[in-house]
Amino acid sequence: CEYCNKGFKKSSHLKQHVRSHTGEKPYKCQLCGRGFVSSGVLKSHEKTHTGNRPYKCEECGKSF
């Protein structure tokens, strides 16, 4: 990384990391407009709009 000298084996990982320095968030949520550094993080975020909470805590009963 030209900003902090951190090394990466994959150029895609370097590209995503550099965005943490530049603030670039090219992947936009079509529902709320929020931006993300990678398509994977966007996909994870998109699940927050579905209301689907497939995991339930056995201790307190809360779903997430």
PDB file of N, CA and C in Angstrom:
ATOM      1  N   CYS A   1       0.854  -1.186   0.000  1.00  0.00           N
ATOM      2  CA  CYS A   1       0.000   0.000   0.000  1.00  0.00           C
ATOM      3  C   CYS A   1       0.893   1.241   0.000  1.00  0.00           C
ATOM      4  N   GLU A   2       0.638   2.141  -0.902  1.00  0.00           N
ATOM      5  CA  GLU A   2       1.455   3.358  -1.001  1.00  0.00           C
ATOM      6  C   GLU A   2       1.230   4.309   0.172  1.00  0.00           C
ATOM      7  N   TYR A   3       0.161   4.101   0.927  1.00  0.00           N
ATOM      8  CA  TYR A   3      -0.139   4.976   2.063  1.00  0.00           C
ATOM      9  C   TYR A   3       0.500   4.486   3.364  1.00  0.00           C
ATOM     10  N   CYS A   4       0.499   3.147   3.572  1.00  0.00           N
ATOM     11  CA  CYS A   4       0.981   2.632   4.858  1.00  0.00           C
ATOM     12  C   CYS A   4       1.977   1.482   4.730  1.00  0.00           C
ATOM     13  N   ASN A   5       2.342   1.124   3.512  1.00  0.00           N
ATOM     14  CA  ASN A   5       3.316   0.064   3.234  1.00  0.00           C
ATOM     15  C   ASN A   5       2.866  -1.341   3.612  1.00  0.00           C
ATOM     16  N   LYS A   6       1.576  -1.539   3.859  1.00  0.00           N
ATOM     17  CA  LYS A   6       1.068  -2.873   4.137  1.00  0.00           C
ATOM     18  C   LYS A   6       1.080  -3.676   2.841  1.00  0.00           C
ATOM     19  N   GLY A   7       1.433  -4.961   2.931  1.00  0.00           N
ATOM     20  CA  GLY A   7       1.516  -5.811   1.749  1.00  0.00           C
ATOM     21  C   GLY A   7       0.322  -6.743   1.619  1.00  0.00           C
ATOM     22  N   PHE A   8      -0.014  -7.085   0.392  1.00  0.00           N
ATOM     23  CA  PHE A   8      -1.129  -7.983   0.108  1.00  0.00           C
ATOM     24  C   PHE A   8      -0.731  -8.962  -0.980  1.00  0.00           C
ATOM     25  N   LYS A   9      -1.212 -10.188  -0.885  1.00  0.00           N
ATOM     26  CA  LYS A   9      -0.913 -11.201  -1.891  1.00  0.00           C
ATOM     27  C   LYS A   9      -1.773 -11.011  -3.136  1.00  0.00           C
ATOM     28  N   LYS A  10      -2.970 -10.500  -2.951  1.00  0.00           N
ATOM     29  CA  LYS A  10      -3.886 -10.313  -4.080  1.00  0.00           C
ATOM     30  C   LYS A  10      -4.084  -8.825  -4.345  1.00  0.00           C
ATOM     31  N   SER A  11      -4.032  -8.459  -5.608  1.00  0.00           N
ATOM     32  CA  SER A  11      -4.199  -7.045  -5.965  1.00  0.00           C
ATOM     33  C   SER A  11      -5.593  -6.541  -5.610  1.00  0.00           C
ATOM     34  N   SER A  12      -6.589  -7.429  -5.645  1.00  0.00           N
ATOM     35  CA  SER A  12      -7.951  -7.015  -5.292  1.00  0.00           C
ATOM     36  C   SER A  12      -8.045  -6.641  -3.818  1.00  0.00           C
ATOM     37  N   HIS A  13      -7.283  -7.335  -2.977  1.00  0.00           N
ATOM     38  CA  HIS A  13      -7.273  -7.007  -1.549  1.00  0.00           C
ATOM     39  C   HIS A  13      -6.578  -5.666  -1.310  1.00  0.00           C
ATOM     40  N   LEU A  14      -5.510  -5.430  -2.055  1.00  0.00           N
ATOM     41  CA  LEU A  14      -4.823  -4.140  -1.963  1.00  0.00           C
ATOM     42  C   LEU A  14      -5.761  -3.019  -2.390  1.00  0.00           C
ATOM     43  N   LYS A  15      -6.452  -3.212  -3.494  1.00  0.00           N
ATOM     44  CA  LYS A  15      -7.365  -2.188  -4.013  1.00  0.00           C
ATOM     45  C   LYS A  15      -8.444  -1.847  -2.981  1.00  0.00           C
ATOM     46  N   GLN A  16      -9.007  -2.880  -2.362  1.00  0.00           N
ATOM     47  CA  GLN A  16     -10.028  -2.661  -1.335  1.00  0.00           C
ATOM     48  C   GLN A  16      -9.421  -1.945  -0.133  1.00  0.00           C
ATOM     49  N   HIS A  17      -8.220  -2.325   0.276  1.00  0.00           N
ATOM     50  CA  HIS A  17      -7.553  -1.697   1.414  1.00  0.00           C
ATOM     51  C   HIS A  17      -7.263  -0.221   1.152  1.00  0.00           C
ATOM     52  N   VAL A  18      -6.793   0.102  -0.040  1.00  0.00           N
ATOM     53  CA  VAL A  18      -6.468   1.493  -0.384  1.00  0.00           C
ATOM     54  C   VAL A  18      -7.698   2.376  -0.206  1.00  0.00           C
ATOM     55  N   ARG A  19      -8.871   1.818  -0.452  1.00  0.00           N
ATOM     56  CA  ARG A  19     -10.116   2.587  -0.276  1.00  0.00           C
ATOM     57  C   ARG A  19     -10.314   3.019   1.175  1.00  0.00           C
ATOM     58  N   SER A  20      -9.707   2.302   2.127  1.00  0.00           N
ATOM     59  CA  SER A  20      -9.810   2.719   3.530  1.00  0.00           C
ATOM     60  C   SER A  20      -9.045   4.016   3.762  1.00  0.00           C
ATOM     61  N   HIS A  21      -8.062   4.291   2.910  1.00  0.00           N
ATOM     62  CA  HIS A  21      -7.300   5.535   3.000  1.00  0.00           C
ATOM     63  C   HIS A  21      -7.952   6.656   2.192  1.00  0.00           C
ATOM     64  N   THR A  22      -8.501   6.306   1.037  1.00  0.00           N
ATOM     65  CA  THR A  22      -9.040   7.329   0.130  1.00  0.00           C
ATOM     66  C   THR A  22     -10.485   7.693   0.430  1.00  0.00           C
ATOM     67  N   GLY A  23     -11.193   6.789   1.118  1.00  0.00           N
ATOM     68  CA  GLY A  23     -12.606   7.035   1.405  1.00  0.00           C
ATOM     69  C   GLY A  23     -13.529   6.654   0.257  1.00  0.00           C
ATOM     70  N   GLU A  24     -12.963   6.092  -0.810  1.00  0.00           N
ATOM     71  CA  GLU A  24     -13.773   5.692  -1.964  1.00  0.00           C
ATOM     72  C   GLU A  24     -14.702   4.540  -1.582  1.00  0.00           C
ATOM     73  N   LYS A  25     -15.983   4.679  -1.926  1.00  0.00           N
ATOM     74  CA  LYS A  25     -16.979   3.642  -1.667  1.00  0.00           C
ATOM     75  C   LYS A  25     -17.837   3.478  -2.917  1.00  0.00           C
ATOM     76  N   PRO A  26     -17.319   2.736  -3.899  1.00  0.00           N
ATOM     77  CA  PRO A  26     -17.973   2.665  -5.207  1.00  0.00           C
ATOM     78  C   PRO A  26     -19.206   1.767  -5.283  1.00  0.00           C
ATOM     79  N   TYR A  27     -19.443   0.945  -4.281  1.00  0.00           N
ATOM     80  CA  TYR A  27     -20.589   0.036  -4.314  1.00  0.00           C
ATOM     81  C   TYR A  27     -21.733   0.648  -3.511  1.00  0.00           C
ATOM     82  N   LYS A  28     -22.785   1.063  -4.210  1.00  0.00           N
ATOM     83  CA  LYS A  28     -23.889   1.786  -3.581  1.00  0.00           C
ATOM     84  C   LYS A  28     -25.110   0.899  -3.397  1.00  0.00           C
ATOM     85  N   CYS A  29     -25.739   1.023  -2.245  1.00  0.00           N
ATOM     86  CA  CYS A  29     -26.992   0.321  -1.972  1.00  0.00           C
ATOM     87  C   CYS A  29     -28.101   1.012  -2.757  1.00  0.00           C
ATOM     88  N   GLN A  30     -28.858   0.233  -3.515  1.00  0.00           N
ATOM     89  CA  GLN A  30     -29.941   0.784  -4.328  1.00  0.00           C
ATOM     90  C   GLN A  30     -31.129   1.223  -3.473  1.00  0.00           C
ATOM     91  N   LEU A  31     -31.210   0.736  -2.242  1.00  0.00           N
ATOM     92  CA  LEU A  31     -32.342   1.073  -1.379  1.00  0.00           C
ATOM     93  C   LEU A  31     -32.115   2.316  -0.525  1.00  0.00           C
ATOM     94  N   CYS A  32     -30.895   2.498  -0.019  1.00  0.00           N
ATOM     95  CA  CYS A  32     -30.660   3.634   0.878  1.00  0.00           C
ATOM     96  C   CYS A  32     -29.544   4.567   0.414  1.00  0.00           C
ATOM     97  N   GLY A  33     -28.787   4.155  -0.605  1.00  0.00           N
ATOM     98  CA  GLY A  33     -27.733   5.009  -1.136  1.00  0.00           C
ATOM     99  C   GLY A  33     -26.405   4.948  -0.413  1.00  0.00           C
ATOM    100  N   ARG A  34     -26.327   4.178   0.643  1.00  0.00           N
ATOM    101  CA  ARG A  34     -25.079   4.071   1.393  1.00  0.00           C
ATOM    102  C   ARG A  34     -24.007   3.400   0.534  1.00  0.00           C
ATOM    103  N   GLY A  35     -22.760   3.842   0.667  1.00  0.00           N
ATOM    104  CA  GLY A  35     -21.667   3.307  -0.126  1.00  0.00           C
ATOM    105  C   GLY A  35     -20.787   2.351   0.658  1.00  0.00           C
ATOM    106  N   PHE A  36     -20.143   1.429  -0.081  1.00  0.00           N
ATOM    107  CA  PHE A  36     -19.298   0.409   0.534  1.00  0.00           C
ATOM    108  C   PHE A  36     -18.042   0.186  -0.294  1.00  0.00           C
ATOM    109  N   VAL A  37     -16.990  -0.310   0.369  1.00  0.00           N
ATOM    110  CA  VAL A  37     -15.700  -0.500  -0.288  1.00  0.00           C
ATOM    111  C   VAL A  37     -15.648  -1.755  -1.146  1.00  0.00           C
ATOM    112  N   SER A  38     -16.546  -2.717  -0.908  1.00  0.00           N
ATOM    113  CA  SER A  38     -16.536  -3.953  -1.693  1.00  0.00           C
ATOM    114  C   SER A  38     -17.951  -4.451  -1.934  1.00  0.00           C
ATOM    115  N   SER A  39     -18.094  -5.277  -2.956  1.00  0.00           N
ATOM    116  CA  SER A  39     -19.409  -5.838  -3.265  1.00  0.00           C
ATOM    117  C   SER A  39     -19.857  -6.797  -2.165  1.00  0.00           C
ATOM    118  N   GLY A  40     -18.907  -7.473  -1.525  1.00  0.00           N
ATOM    119  CA  GLY A  40     -19.248  -8.393  -0.446  1.00  0.00           C
ATOM    120  C   GLY A  40     -19.847  -7.681   0.753  1.00  0.00           C
ATOM    121  N   VAL A  41     -19.274  -6.541   1.103  1.00  0.00           N
ATOM    122  CA  VAL A  41     -19.798  -5.758   2.226  1.00  0.00           C
ATOM    123  C   VAL A  41     -21.173  -5.199   1.860  1.00  0.00           C
ATOM    124  N   LEU A  42     -21.347  -4.795   0.603  1.00  0.00           N
ATOM    125  CA  LEU A  42     -22.654  -4.321   0.139  1.00  0.00           C
ATOM    126  C   LEU A  42     -23.692  -5.430   0.252  1.00  0.00           C
ATOM    127  N   LYS A  43     -23.358  -6.633  -0.187  1.00  0.00           N
ATOM    128  CA  LYS A  43     -24.306  -7.756  -0.118  1.00  0.00           C
ATOM    129  C   LYS A  43     -24.719  -8.034   1.321  1.00  0.00           C
ATOM    130  N   SER A  44     -23.763  -7.971   2.229  1.00  0.00           N
ATOM    131  CA  SER A  44     -24.063  -8.171   3.644  1.00  0.00           C
ATOM    132  C   SER A  44     -25.002  -7.080   4.143  1.00  0.00           C
ATOM    133  N   HIS A  45     -24.743  -5.837   3.761  1.00  0.00           N
ATOM    134  CA  HIS A  45     -25.581  -4.715   4.158  1.00  0.00           C
ATOM    135  C   HIS A  45     -27.000  -4.856   3.620  1.00  0.00           C
ATOM    136  N   GLU A  46     -27.131  -5.295   2.371  1.00  0.00           N
ATOM    137  CA  GLU A  46     -28.450  -5.396   1.740  1.00  0.00           C
ATOM    138  C   GLU A  46     -29.391  -6.294   2.531  1.00  0.00           C
ATOM    139  N   LYS A  47     -28.844  -7.237   3.266  1.00  0.00           N
ATOM    140  CA  LYS A  47     -29.662  -8.130   4.084  1.00  0.00           C
ATOM    141  C   LYS A  47     -30.358  -7.376   5.215  1.00  0.00           C
ATOM    142  N   THR A  48     -29.833  -6.208   5.595  1.00  0.00           N
ATOM    143  CA  THR A  48     -30.467  -5.438   6.670  1.00  0.00           C
ATOM    144  C   THR A  48     -31.802  -4.861   6.226  1.00  0.00           C
ATOM    145  N   HIS A  49     -32.029  -4.782   4.926  1.00  0.00           N
ATOM    146  CA  HIS A  49     -33.274  -4.223   4.411  1.00  0.00           C
ATOM    147  C   HIS A  49     -34.389  -5.257   4.283  1.00  0.00           C
ATOM    148  N   THR A  50     -34.075  -6.535   4.409  1.00  0.00           N
ATOM    149  CA  THR A  50     -35.076  -7.581   4.195  1.00  0.00           C
ATOM    150  C   THR A  50     -35.930  -7.846   5.428  1.00  0.00           C
ATOM    151  N   GLY A  51     -35.400  -7.533   6.593  1.00  0.00           N
ATOM    152  CA  GLY A  51     -36.118  -7.853   7.824  1.00  0.00           C
ATOM    153  C   GLY A  51     -35.932  -9.311   8.230  1.00  0.00           C
ATOM    154  N   ASN A  52     -35.241 -10.077   7.403  1.00  0.00           N
ATOM    155  CA  ASN A  52     -34.986 -11.484   7.688  1.00  0.00           C
ATOM    156  C   ASN A  52     -33.927 -11.593   8.783  1.00  0.00           C
ATOM    157  N   ARG A  53     -34.270 -12.263   9.859  1.00  0.00           N
ATOM    158  CA  ARG A  53     -33.332 -12.456  10.969  1.00  0.00           C
ATOM    159  C   ARG A  53     -33.282 -13.953  11.291  1.00  0.00           C
ATOM    160  N   PRO A  54     -32.434 -14.691  10.566  1.00  0.00           N
ATOM    161  CA  PRO A  54     -32.439 -16.152  10.670  1.00  0.00           C
ATOM    162  C   PRO A  54     -31.780 -16.744  11.917  1.00  0.00           C
ATOM    163  N   TYR A  55     -31.056 -15.936  12.680  1.00  0.00           N
ATOM    164  CA  TYR A  55     -30.356 -16.465  13.849  1.00  0.00           C
ATOM    165  C   TYR A  55     -31.030 -15.990  15.126  1.00  0.00           C
ATOM    166  N   LYS A  56     -31.286 -16.943  16.033  1.00  0.00           N
ATOM    167  CA  LYS A  56     -31.946 -16.596  17.291  1.00  0.00           C
ATOM    168  C   LYS A  56     -31.059 -17.010  18.461  1.00  0.00           C
ATOM    169  N   CYS A  57     -30.881 -16.079  19.400  1.00  0.00           N
ATOM    170  CA  CYS A  57     -30.091 -16.349  20.595  1.00  0.00           C
ATOM    171  C   CYS A  57     -30.877 -17.293  21.511  1.00  0.00           C
ATOM    172  N   GLU A  58     -30.237 -18.373  21.916  1.00  0.00           N
ATOM    173  CA  GLU A  58     -30.894 -19.336  22.798  1.00  0.00           C
ATOM    174  C   GLU A  58     -31.023 -18.808  24.224  1.00  0.00           C
ATOM    175  N   GLU A  59     -30.202 -17.830  24.587  1.00  0.00           N
ATOM    176  CA  GLU A  59     -30.227 -17.264  25.937  1.00  0.00           C
ATOM    177  C   GLU A  59     -31.349 -16.246  26.121  1.00  0.00           C
ATOM    178  N   CYS A  60     -31.422 -15.267  25.190  1.00  0.00           N
ATOM    179  CA  CYS A  60     -32.371 -14.163  25.382  1.00  0.00           C
ATOM    180  C   CYS A  60     -33.530 -14.177  24.387  1.00  0.00           C
ATOM    181  N   GLY A  61     -33.429 -14.989  23.337  1.00  0.00           N
ATOM    182  CA  GLY A  61     -34.513 -15.068  22.361  1.00  0.00           C
ATOM    183  C   GLY A  61     -34.463 -14.022  21.264  1.00  0.00           C
ATOM    184  N   LYS A  62     -33.493 -13.105  21.323  1.00  0.00           N
ATOM    185  CA  LYS A  62     -33.384 -12.075  20.283  1.00  0.00           C
ATOM    186  C   LYS A  62     -32.922 -12.696  18.976  1.00  0.00           C
ATOM    187  N   SER A  63     -33.456 -12.162  17.880  1.00  0.00           N
ATOM    188  CA  SER A  63     -33.060 -12.629  16.555  1.00  0.00           C
ATOM    189  C   SER A  63     -32.177 -11.596  15.884  1.00  0.00           C
ATOM    190  N   PHE A  64     -31.310 -12.080  15.032  1.00  0.00           N
ATOM    191  CA  PHE A  64     -30.436 -11.187  14.267  1.00  0.00           C
ATOM    192  C   PHE A  64     -30.058 -11.856  12.966  1.00  0.00           C
TER     193      PHE A  64
END
